[in-house]
């Protein structure tokens, strides 16, 4: 289906979702590399991306050494060796599997967090984004743009935020942390304008816990109360869901 400008595909299970999304994304990557020497891709780091990333890195037709990889959010205050770092997720599932031209991590343990935001903002300006690969949170967030901090017209590209309680609980639900007290209360995130600047957006959202967020993003108003609803205004955005995350849509 298509709602406003957003194309939506629903799959029987998350494995097929990931495979088909990776196939579509791989096709666009190859097309862009026919026109450009190098391209810039932002990757989300969350369990919702597991099947997509696993399928994408198996694509032998992609010239990974012509891709600059970027990362869309990171916790503040975790130690560099913490397995909960979102950079660790990308390193384990993506960066260690293929050879990128460059990999650009957000340093959530930097001594000066604002300087880190400024540095990463400059990187995004120097390397305009071609593709964003992302998910949607249980509260409708994209990256760490939770409803209380999401700004469609944000004047920043990268900023520090305090995740809301629903977002922090999701990190426990995902198995990243044992309890909510372990979840950092600050994070660095690319803002909504930074994500929406991409030429193409691929959004992968499996899991029944995301059903309400998917429903609101597609059927509700385009509002910062459901940050993911902004995807309906993008010229080249695709949303991939499974029957669990699309259950409210199907029942409707």
C-alpha atoms as a PDB file:
ATOM      1  CA  UNK A   1       0.000   0.000   0.000  1.00  0.00           C
ATOM      2  CA  UNK A   2       0.955   3.639  -0.192  1.00  0.00           C
ATOM      3  CA  UNK A   3      -0.005   6.341   2.307  1.00  0.00           C
ATOM      4  CA  UNK A   4       0.833   9.873   1.214  1.00  0.00           C
ATOM      5  CA  UNK A   5       4.321   9.391  -0.257  1.00  0.00           C
ATOM      6  CA  UNK A   6       5.284   6.405   1.904  1.00  0.00           C
ATOM      7  CA  UNK A   7       5.362   2.968   0.292  1.00  0.00           C
ATOM      8  CA  UNK A   8       4.496   0.163   2.737  1.00  0.00           C
ATOM      9  CA  UNK A   9       5.241  -3.542   2.335  1.00  0.00           C
ATOM     10  CA  UNK A  10       3.904  -6.197   4.723  1.00  0.00           C
ATOM     11  CA  UNK A  11       5.534  -9.643   5.013  1.00  0.00           C
ATOM     12  CA  UNK A  12       4.548 -12.906   6.673  1.00  0.00           C
ATOM     13  CA  UNK A  13       7.595 -12.921   8.912  1.00  0.00           C
ATOM     14  CA  UNK A  14      10.609 -10.833   9.837  1.00  0.00           C
ATOM     15  CA  UNK A  15      13.044 -13.009   7.906  1.00  0.00           C
ATOM     16  CA  UNK A  16      11.346 -12.334   4.586  1.00  0.00           C
ATOM     17  CA  UNK A  17      10.984  -8.694   5.589  1.00  0.00           C
ATOM     18  CA  UNK A  18      14.735  -8.415   6.083  1.00  0.00           C
ATOM     19  CA  UNK A  19      15.597 -10.285   2.899  1.00  0.00           C
ATOM     20  CA  UNK A  20      13.313  -8.208   0.675  1.00  0.00           C
ATOM     21  CA  UNK A  21      14.299  -4.900   2.272  1.00  0.00           C
ATOM     22  CA  UNK A  22      17.974  -5.772   1.783  1.00  0.00           C
ATOM     23  CA  UNK A  23      17.293  -6.697  -1.829  1.00  0.00           C
ATOM     24  CA  UNK A  24      15.609  -3.342  -2.476  1.00  0.00           C
ATOM     25  CA  UNK A  25      18.298  -1.413  -0.627  1.00  0.00           C
ATOM     26  CA  UNK A  26      21.082  -3.279  -2.416  1.00  0.00           C
ATOM     27  CA  UNK A  27      19.552  -2.366  -5.758  1.00  0.00           C
ATOM     28  CA  UNK A  28      19.531   1.335  -4.877  1.00  0.00           C
ATOM     29  CA  UNK A  29      23.103   1.151  -3.573  1.00  0.00           C
ATOM     30  CA  UNK A  30      24.271  -0.328  -6.870  1.00  0.00           C
ATOM     31  CA  UNK A  31      22.350   2.276  -8.873  1.00  0.00           C
ATOM     32  CA  UNK A  32      23.849   5.130  -6.870  1.00  0.00           C
ATOM     33  CA  UNK A  33      27.355   3.700  -7.278  1.00  0.00           C
ATOM     34  CA  UNK A  34      26.898   3.744 -11.038  1.00  0.00           C
ATOM     35  CA  UNK A  35      26.448   7.507 -10.806  1.00  0.00           C
ATOM     36  CA  UNK A  36      28.852   8.331  -7.959  1.00  0.00           C
ATOM     37  CA  UNK A  37      32.359   7.292  -7.018  1.00  0.00           C
ATOM     38  CA  UNK A  38      31.336   6.962  -3.352  1.00  0.00           C
ATOM     39  CA  UNK A  39      28.088   7.117  -1.395  1.00  0.00           C
ATOM     40  CA  UNK A  40      27.142   7.744   2.236  1.00  0.00           C
ATOM     41  CA  UNK A  41      24.851   5.429   4.193  1.00  0.00           C
ATOM     42  CA  UNK A  42      23.502   5.793   7.748  1.00  0.00           C
ATOM     43  CA  UNK A  43      22.699   2.568   9.597  1.00  0.00           C
ATOM     44  CA  UNK A  44      20.432   2.011  12.589  1.00  0.00           C
ATOM     45  CA  UNK A  45      21.604  -0.264  15.383  1.00  0.00           C
ATOM     46  CA  UNK A  46      18.809  -2.308  16.945  1.00  0.00           C
ATOM     47  CA  UNK A  47      17.485  -5.889  16.953  1.00  0.00           C
ATOM     48  CA  UNK A  48      14.842  -4.827  14.424  1.00  0.00           C
ATOM     49  CA  UNK A  49      17.653  -4.507  11.884  1.00  0.00           C
ATOM     50  CA  UNK A  50      19.133  -7.980  12.421  1.00  0.00           C
ATOM     51  CA  UNK A  51      17.660  -9.793   9.428  1.00  0.00           C
ATOM     52  CA  UNK A  52      18.037  -6.814   7.123  1.00  0.00           C
ATOM     53  CA  UNK A  53      21.712  -6.294   7.921  1.00  0.00           C
ATOM     54  CA  UNK A  54      22.519 -10.006   7.747  1.00  0.00           C
ATOM     55  CA  UNK A  55      20.998 -10.192   4.294  1.00  0.00           C
ATOM     56  CA  UNK A  56      22.558  -6.941   3.089  1.00  0.00           C
ATOM     57  CA  UNK A  57      26.127  -7.910   4.028  1.00  0.00           C
ATOM     58  CA  UNK A  58      25.730 -11.175   2.114  1.00  0.00           C
ATOM     59  CA  UNK A  59      25.233  -9.220  -1.117  1.00  0.00           C
ATOM     60  CA  UNK A  60      28.394  -9.841  -3.137  1.00  0.00           C
ATOM     61  CA  UNK A  61      27.406  -7.342  -5.839  1.00  0.00           C
ATOM     62  CA  UNK A  62      27.836  -4.319  -3.577  1.00  0.00           C
ATOM     63  CA  UNK A  63      31.144  -2.427  -3.702  1.00  0.00           C
ATOM     64  CA  UNK A  64      31.390  -1.826   0.025  1.00  0.00           C
ATOM     65  CA  UNK A  65      34.782  -0.164  -0.333  1.00  0.00           C
ATOM     66  CA  UNK A  66      33.027   2.776  -2.006  1.00  0.00           C
ATOM     67  CA  UNK A  67      30.598   3.351   0.870  1.00  0.00           C
ATOM     68  CA  UNK A  68      31.116   5.671   3.833  1.00  0.00           C
ATOM     69  CA  UNK A  69      29.182   4.261   6.786  1.00  0.00           C
ATOM     70  CA  UNK A  70      27.573   6.436   9.447  1.00  0.00           C
ATOM     71  CA  UNK A  71      25.718   5.675  12.634  1.00  0.00           C
ATOM     72  CA  UNK A  72      22.547   7.415  13.759  1.00  0.00           C
ATOM     73  CA  UNK A  73      22.602   7.411  17.555  1.00  0.00           C
ATOM     74  CA  UNK A  74      24.610   6.397  20.587  1.00  0.00           C
ATOM     75  CA  UNK A  75      24.240   6.255  24.357  1.00  0.00           C
ATOM     76  CA  UNK A  76      26.173   8.769  26.421  1.00  0.00           C
ATOM     77  CA  UNK A  77      28.399   7.539  29.232  1.00  0.00           C
ATOM     78  CA  UNK A  78      28.928   3.856  28.457  1.00  0.00           C
ATOM     79  CA  UNK A  79      32.501   2.645  28.608  1.00  0.00           C
ATOM     80  CA  UNK A  80      34.263   2.022  25.276  1.00  0.00           C
ATOM     81  CA  UNK A  81      34.196  -1.742  25.903  1.00  0.00           C
ATOM     82  CA  UNK A  82      30.494  -1.878  26.798  1.00  0.00           C
ATOM     83  CA  UNK A  83      28.572  -4.408  24.675  1.00  0.00           C
ATOM     84  CA  UNK A  84      25.483  -2.173  24.931  1.00  0.00           C
ATOM     85  CA  UNK A  85      27.088   0.551  22.827  1.00  0.00           C
ATOM     86  CA  UNK A  86      25.232   0.910  19.537  1.00  0.00           C
ATOM     87  CA  UNK A  87      28.608   1.154  17.818  1.00  0.00           C
ATOM     88  CA  UNK A  88      29.331  -2.339  19.166  1.00  0.00           C
ATOM     89  CA  UNK A  89      26.168  -3.628  17.478  1.00  0.00           C
ATOM     90  CA  UNK A  90      27.286  -2.165  14.135  1.00  0.00           C
ATOM     91  CA  UNK A  91      30.819  -3.447  14.561  1.00  0.00           C
ATOM     92  CA  UNK A  92      29.648  -6.977  15.310  1.00  0.00           C
ATOM     93  CA  UNK A  93      26.911  -7.342  12.704  1.00  0.00           C
ATOM     94  CA  UNK A  94      28.003  -5.023   9.907  1.00  0.00           C
ATOM     95  CA  UNK A  95      31.452  -3.453   9.983  1.00  0.00           C
ATOM     96  CA  UNK A  96      33.309  -6.685  10.741  1.00  0.00           C
ATOM     97  CA  UNK A  97      31.581  -8.411   7.808  1.00  0.00           C
ATOM     98  CA  UNK A  98      32.455  -6.070   4.932  1.00  0.00           C
ATOM     99  CA  UNK A  99      35.178  -3.557   4.064  1.00  0.00           C
ATOM    100  CA  UNK A 100      33.821   0.010   3.992  1.00  0.00           C
ATOM    101  CA  UNK A 101      35.647   3.004   2.570  1.00  0.00           C
ATOM    102  CA  UNK A 102      35.226   4.611   5.980  1.00  0.00           C
ATOM    103  CA  UNK A 103      33.288   3.979   9.190  1.00  0.00           C
ATOM    104  CA  UNK A 104      32.241   6.994  11.222  1.00  0.00           C
ATOM    105  CA  UNK A 105      31.074   6.267  14.755  1.00  0.00           C
ATOM    106  CA  UNK A 106      29.503   8.647  17.242  1.00  0.00           C
ATOM    107  CA  UNK A 107      31.639   8.670  20.383  1.00  0.00           C
ATOM    108  CA  UNK A 108      29.257   8.608  23.319  1.00  0.00           C
ATOM    109  CA  UNK A 109      32.119   8.539  25.817  1.00  0.00           C
ATOM    110  CA  UNK A 110      33.813  11.694  24.501  1.00  0.00           C
ATOM    111  CA  UNK A 111      35.036  14.139  27.129  1.00  0.00           C
ATOM    112  CA  UNK A 112      33.113  16.963  25.443  1.00  0.00           C
ATOM    113  CA  UNK A 113      29.754  15.661  24.211  1.00  0.00           C
ATOM    114  CA  UNK A 114      28.717  18.923  22.570  1.00  0.00           C
ATOM    115  CA  UNK A 115      31.996  19.022  20.659  1.00  0.00           C
ATOM    116  CA  UNK A 116      31.276  15.454  19.514  1.00  0.00           C
ATOM    117  CA  UNK A 117      27.850  16.569  18.249  1.00  0.00           C
ATOM    118  CA  UNK A 118      29.448  19.486  16.410  1.00  0.00           C
ATOM    119  CA  UNK A 119      32.106  17.227  14.879  1.00  0.00           C
ATOM    120  CA  UNK A 120      29.540  14.708  13.675  1.00  0.00           C
ATOM    121  CA  UNK A 121      27.316  17.489  12.299  1.00  0.00           C
ATOM    122  CA  UNK A 122      30.232  18.686  10.177  1.00  0.00           C
ATOM    123  CA  UNK A 123      30.796  15.145   8.918  1.00  0.00           C
ATOM    124  CA  UNK A 124      27.166  14.977   7.764  1.00  0.00           C
ATOM    125  CA  UNK A 125      27.553  18.304   5.971  1.00  0.00           C
ATOM    126  CA  UNK A 126      30.790  17.194   4.323  1.00  0.00           C
ATOM    127  CA  UNK A 127      29.310  13.823   3.326  1.00  0.00           C
ATOM    128  CA  UNK A 128      25.637  14.383   2.396  1.00  0.00           C
ATOM    129  CA  UNK A 129      23.625  11.275   3.128  1.00  0.00           C
ATOM    130  CA  UNK A 130      22.370   9.115   0.268  1.00  0.00           C
ATOM    131  CA  UNK A 131      20.593   6.331   2.181  1.00  0.00           C
ATOM    132  CA  UNK A 132      19.244   5.893   5.697  1.00  0.00           C
ATOM    133  CA  UNK A 133      18.489   2.383   7.003  1.00  0.00           C
ATOM    134  CA  UNK A 134      16.396   2.652  10.151  1.00  0.00           C
ATOM    135  CA  UNK A 135      13.621   1.327  12.357  1.00  0.00           C
ATOM    136  CA  UNK A 136      10.783   2.775  14.415  1.00  0.00           C
ATOM    137  CA  UNK A 137      10.659   2.652  18.200  1.00  0.00           C
ATOM    138  CA  UNK A 138       7.746   1.552  20.346  1.00  0.00           C
ATOM    139  CA  UNK A 139       6.975   5.205  21.047  1.00  0.00           C
ATOM    140  CA  UNK A 140       7.162   6.112  17.348  1.00  0.00           C
ATOM    141  CA  UNK A 141      10.685   7.492  17.534  1.00  0.00           C
ATOM    142  CA  UNK A 142      13.194   7.465  14.709  1.00  0.00           C
ATOM    143  CA  UNK A 143      16.788   7.331  15.935  1.00  0.00           C
ATOM    144  CA  UNK A 144      16.491   8.740  19.487  1.00  0.00           C
ATOM    145  CA  UNK A 145      14.014  11.425  18.452  1.00  0.00           C
ATOM    146  CA  UNK A 146      11.399  10.553  21.053  1.00  0.00           C
ATOM    147  CA  UNK A 147       8.121  12.504  20.945  1.00  0.00           C
ATOM    148  CA  UNK A 148       9.146  14.985  23.658  1.00  0.00           C
ATOM    149  CA  UNK A 149      12.354  15.995  21.848  1.00  0.00           C
ATOM    150  CA  UNK A 150      11.413  15.418  18.188  1.00  0.00           C
ATOM    151  CA  UNK A 151      11.425  18.530  16.017  1.00  0.00           C
ATOM    152  CA  UNK A 152      10.528  18.309  12.351  1.00  0.00           C
ATOM    153  CA  UNK A 153      12.243  21.663  11.785  1.00  0.00           C
ATOM    154  CA  UNK A 154      15.156  21.071  14.172  1.00  0.00           C
ATOM    155  CA  UNK A 155      17.948  23.574  13.624  1.00  0.00           C
ATOM    156  CA  UNK A 156      20.548  20.987  14.593  1.00  0.00           C
ATOM    157  CA  UNK A 157      21.805  17.910  12.748  1.00  0.00           C
ATOM    158  CA  UNK A 158      23.045  16.130  15.866  1.00  0.00           C
ATOM    159  CA  UNK A 159      22.030  16.735  19.482  1.00  0.00           C
ATOM    160  CA  UNK A 160      22.009  15.325  23.006  1.00  0.00           C
ATOM    161  CA  UNK A 161      18.641  14.123  24.308  1.00  0.00           C
ATOM    162  CA  UNK A 162      17.175  12.363  27.335  1.00  0.00           C
ATOM    163  CA  UNK A 163      15.250   9.266  26.182  1.00  0.00           C
ATOM    164  CA  UNK A 164      11.721   8.996  27.542  1.00  0.00           C
ATOM    165  CA  UNK A 165      10.631   6.150  29.794  1.00  0.00           C
ATOM    166  CA  UNK A 166       8.972   4.161  27.007  1.00  0.00           C
ATOM    167  CA  UNK A 167      12.150   4.330  24.946  1.00  0.00           C
ATOM    168  CA  UNK A 168      14.273   3.221  27.891  1.00  0.00           C
ATOM    169  CA  UNK A 169      11.885   0.340  28.621  1.00  0.00           C
ATOM    170  CA  UNK A 170      12.197  -0.749  25.004  1.00  0.00           C
ATOM    171  CA  UNK A 171      15.938  -1.174  25.479  1.00  0.00           C
ATOM    172  CA  UNK A 172      15.124  -3.636  28.286  1.00  0.00           C
ATOM    173  CA  UNK A 173      12.449  -5.360  26.176  1.00  0.00           C
ATOM    174  CA  UNK A 174      14.999  -5.767  23.387  1.00  0.00           C
ATOM    175  CA  UNK A 175      17.353  -7.516  25.799  1.00  0.00           C
ATOM    176  CA  UNK A 176      20.060  -4.866  25.630  1.00  0.00           C
ATOM    177  CA  UNK A 177      19.858  -4.105  29.353  1.00  0.00           C
ATOM    178  CA  UNK A 178      18.705  -6.141  32.353  1.00  0.00           C
ATOM    179  CA  UNK A 179      16.572  -3.359  33.822  1.00  0.00           C
ATOM    180  CA  UNK A 180      15.651   0.257  33.188  1.00  0.00           C
ATOM    181  CA  UNK A 181      18.111   1.539  35.791  1.00  0.00           C
ATOM    182  CA  UNK A 182      20.968   0.290  33.600  1.00  0.00           C
ATOM    183  CA  UNK A 183      19.767   2.235  30.553  1.00  0.00           C
ATOM    184  CA  UNK A 184      21.673   5.517  30.139  1.00  0.00           C
ATOM    185  CA  UNK A 185      19.553   8.624  30.629  1.00  0.00           C
ATOM    186  CA  UNK A 186      21.298  10.545  27.855  1.00  0.00           C
ATOM    187  CA  UNK A 187      22.038   9.800  24.210  1.00  0.00           C
ATOM    188  CA  UNK A 188      23.332  11.488  21.087  1.00  0.00           C
ATOM    189  CA  UNK A 189      21.032  11.356  18.088  1.00  0.00           C
ATOM    190  CA  UNK A 190      20.901  12.519  14.521  1.00  0.00           C
ATOM    191  CA  UNK A 191      17.891  14.808  14.295  1.00  0.00           C
ATOM    192  CA  UNK A 192      14.871  14.358  12.063  1.00  0.00           C
ATOM    193  CA  UNK A 193      16.094  16.852   9.418  1.00  0.00           C
ATOM    194  CA  UNK A 194      19.428  15.002   9.299  1.00  0.00           C
ATOM    195  CA  UNK A 195      17.631  11.713   8.593  1.00  0.00           C
ATOM    196  CA  UNK A 196      15.091  13.189   6.195  1.00  0.00           C
ATOM    197  CA  UNK A 197      17.880  14.741   4.108  1.00  0.00           C
ATOM    198  CA  UNK A 198      18.652  11.292   2.702  1.00  0.00           C
ATOM    199  CA  UNK A 199      17.812  10.593  -0.923  1.00  0.00           C
ATOM    200  CA  UNK A 200      16.363   7.210   0.093  1.00  0.00           C
ATOM    201  CA  UNK A 201      15.035   5.842   3.374  1.00  0.00           C
ATOM    202  CA  UNK A 202      14.537   2.147   4.144  1.00  0.00           C
ATOM    203  CA  UNK A 203      12.637   1.561   7.390  1.00  0.00           C
ATOM    204  CA  UNK A 204      12.432  -1.994   8.776  1.00  0.00           C
ATOM    205  CA  UNK A 205       9.922  -2.596  11.590  1.00  0.00           C
ATOM    206  CA  UNK A 206       9.204  -6.168  12.758  1.00  0.00           C
ATOM    207  CA  UNK A 207       7.736  -7.161  16.166  1.00  0.00           C
ATOM    208  CA  UNK A 208       4.253  -6.919  17.633  1.00  0.00           C
ATOM    209  CA  UNK A 209       5.492  -4.432  20.225  1.00  0.00           C
ATOM    210  CA  UNK A 210       5.794  -1.919  17.359  1.00  0.00           C
ATOM    211  CA  UNK A 211       2.197  -2.396  16.131  1.00  0.00           C
ATOM    212  CA  UNK A 212       0.800   0.733  17.770  1.00  0.00           C
ATOM    213  CA  UNK A 213       3.693   2.854  16.538  1.00  0.00           C
ATOM    214  CA  UNK A 214       3.313   1.551  12.982  1.00  0.00           C
ATOM    215  CA  UNK A 215      -0.425   2.159  13.056  1.00  0.00           C
ATOM    216  CA  UNK A 216      -0.006   5.713  14.336  1.00  0.00           C
ATOM    217  CA  UNK A 217       2.765   6.498  11.866  1.00  0.00           C
ATOM    218  CA  UNK A 218       0.592   5.436   8.948  1.00  0.00           C
ATOM    219  CA  UNK A 219      -2.926   6.368  10.053  1.00  0.00           C
ATOM    220  CA  UNK A 220      -2.479   9.256  12.453  1.00  0.00           C
ATOM    221  CA  UNK A 221      -1.666  12.879  11.834  1.00  0.00           C
ATOM    222  CA  UNK A 222       1.817  13.802  10.676  1.00  0.00           C
ATOM    223  CA  UNK A 223       2.965  15.081  14.024  1.00  0.00           C
ATOM    224  CA  UNK A 224       5.945  15.151  16.346  1.00  0.00           C
ATOM    225  CA  UNK A 225       3.811  13.149  18.793  1.00  0.00           C
ATOM    226  CA  UNK A 226       4.596  10.237  16.455  1.00  0.00           C
ATOM    227  CA  UNK A 227       7.956  11.210  14.943  1.00  0.00           C
ATOM    228  CA  UNK A 228       7.906   8.349  12.397  1.00  0.00           C
ATOM    229  CA  UNK A 229       4.849   9.887  10.732  1.00  0.00           C
ATOM    230  CA  UNK A 230       7.222  12.335   9.000  1.00  0.00           C
ATOM    231  CA  UNK A 231       8.289   9.466   6.721  1.00  0.00           C
ATOM    232  CA  UNK A 232       5.023   9.967   4.834  1.00  0.00           C
ATOM    233  CA  UNK A 233       6.403  13.245   3.460  1.00  0.00           C
ATOM    234  CA  UNK A 234       9.619  11.793   2.005  1.00  0.00           C
ATOM    235  CA  UNK A 235       9.812  11.269  -1.767  1.00  0.00           C
ATOM    236  CA  UNK A 236      11.696   7.957  -1.556  1.00  0.00           C
ATOM    237  CA  UNK A 237      10.853   6.249   1.742  1.00  0.00           C
ATOM    238  CA  UNK A 238       9.790   2.623   2.140  1.00  0.00           C
ATOM    239  CA  UNK A 239       8.435   0.963   5.266  1.00  0.00           C
ATOM    240  CA  UNK A 240       8.806  -2.802   5.673  1.00  0.00           C
ATOM    241  CA  UNK A 241       6.675  -4.512   8.344  1.00  0.00           C
ATOM    242  CA  UNK A 242       5.657  -8.057   9.222  1.00  0.00           C
ATOM    243  CA  UNK A 243       2.164  -9.283  10.099  1.00  0.00           C
ATOM    244  CA  UNK A 244       2.924  -8.755  13.782  1.00  0.00           C
ATOM    245  CA  UNK A 245       3.970  -5.120  13.553  1.00  0.00           C
ATOM    246  CA  UNK A 246       1.196  -4.488  11.014  1.00  0.00           C
ATOM    247  CA  UNK A 247      -1.465  -6.330  13.052  1.00  0.00           C
ATOM    248  CA  UNK A 248      -3.465  -3.184  13.878  1.00  0.00           C
ATOM    249  CA  UNK A 249      -3.419  -2.161  10.200  1.00  0.00           C
ATOM    250  CA  UNK A 250      -4.589  -5.608   9.100  1.00  0.00           C
ATOM    251  CA  UNK A 251      -7.343  -5.792  11.699  1.00  0.00           C
ATOM    252  CA  UNK A 252      -8.566  -2.369  10.694  1.00  0.00           C
END
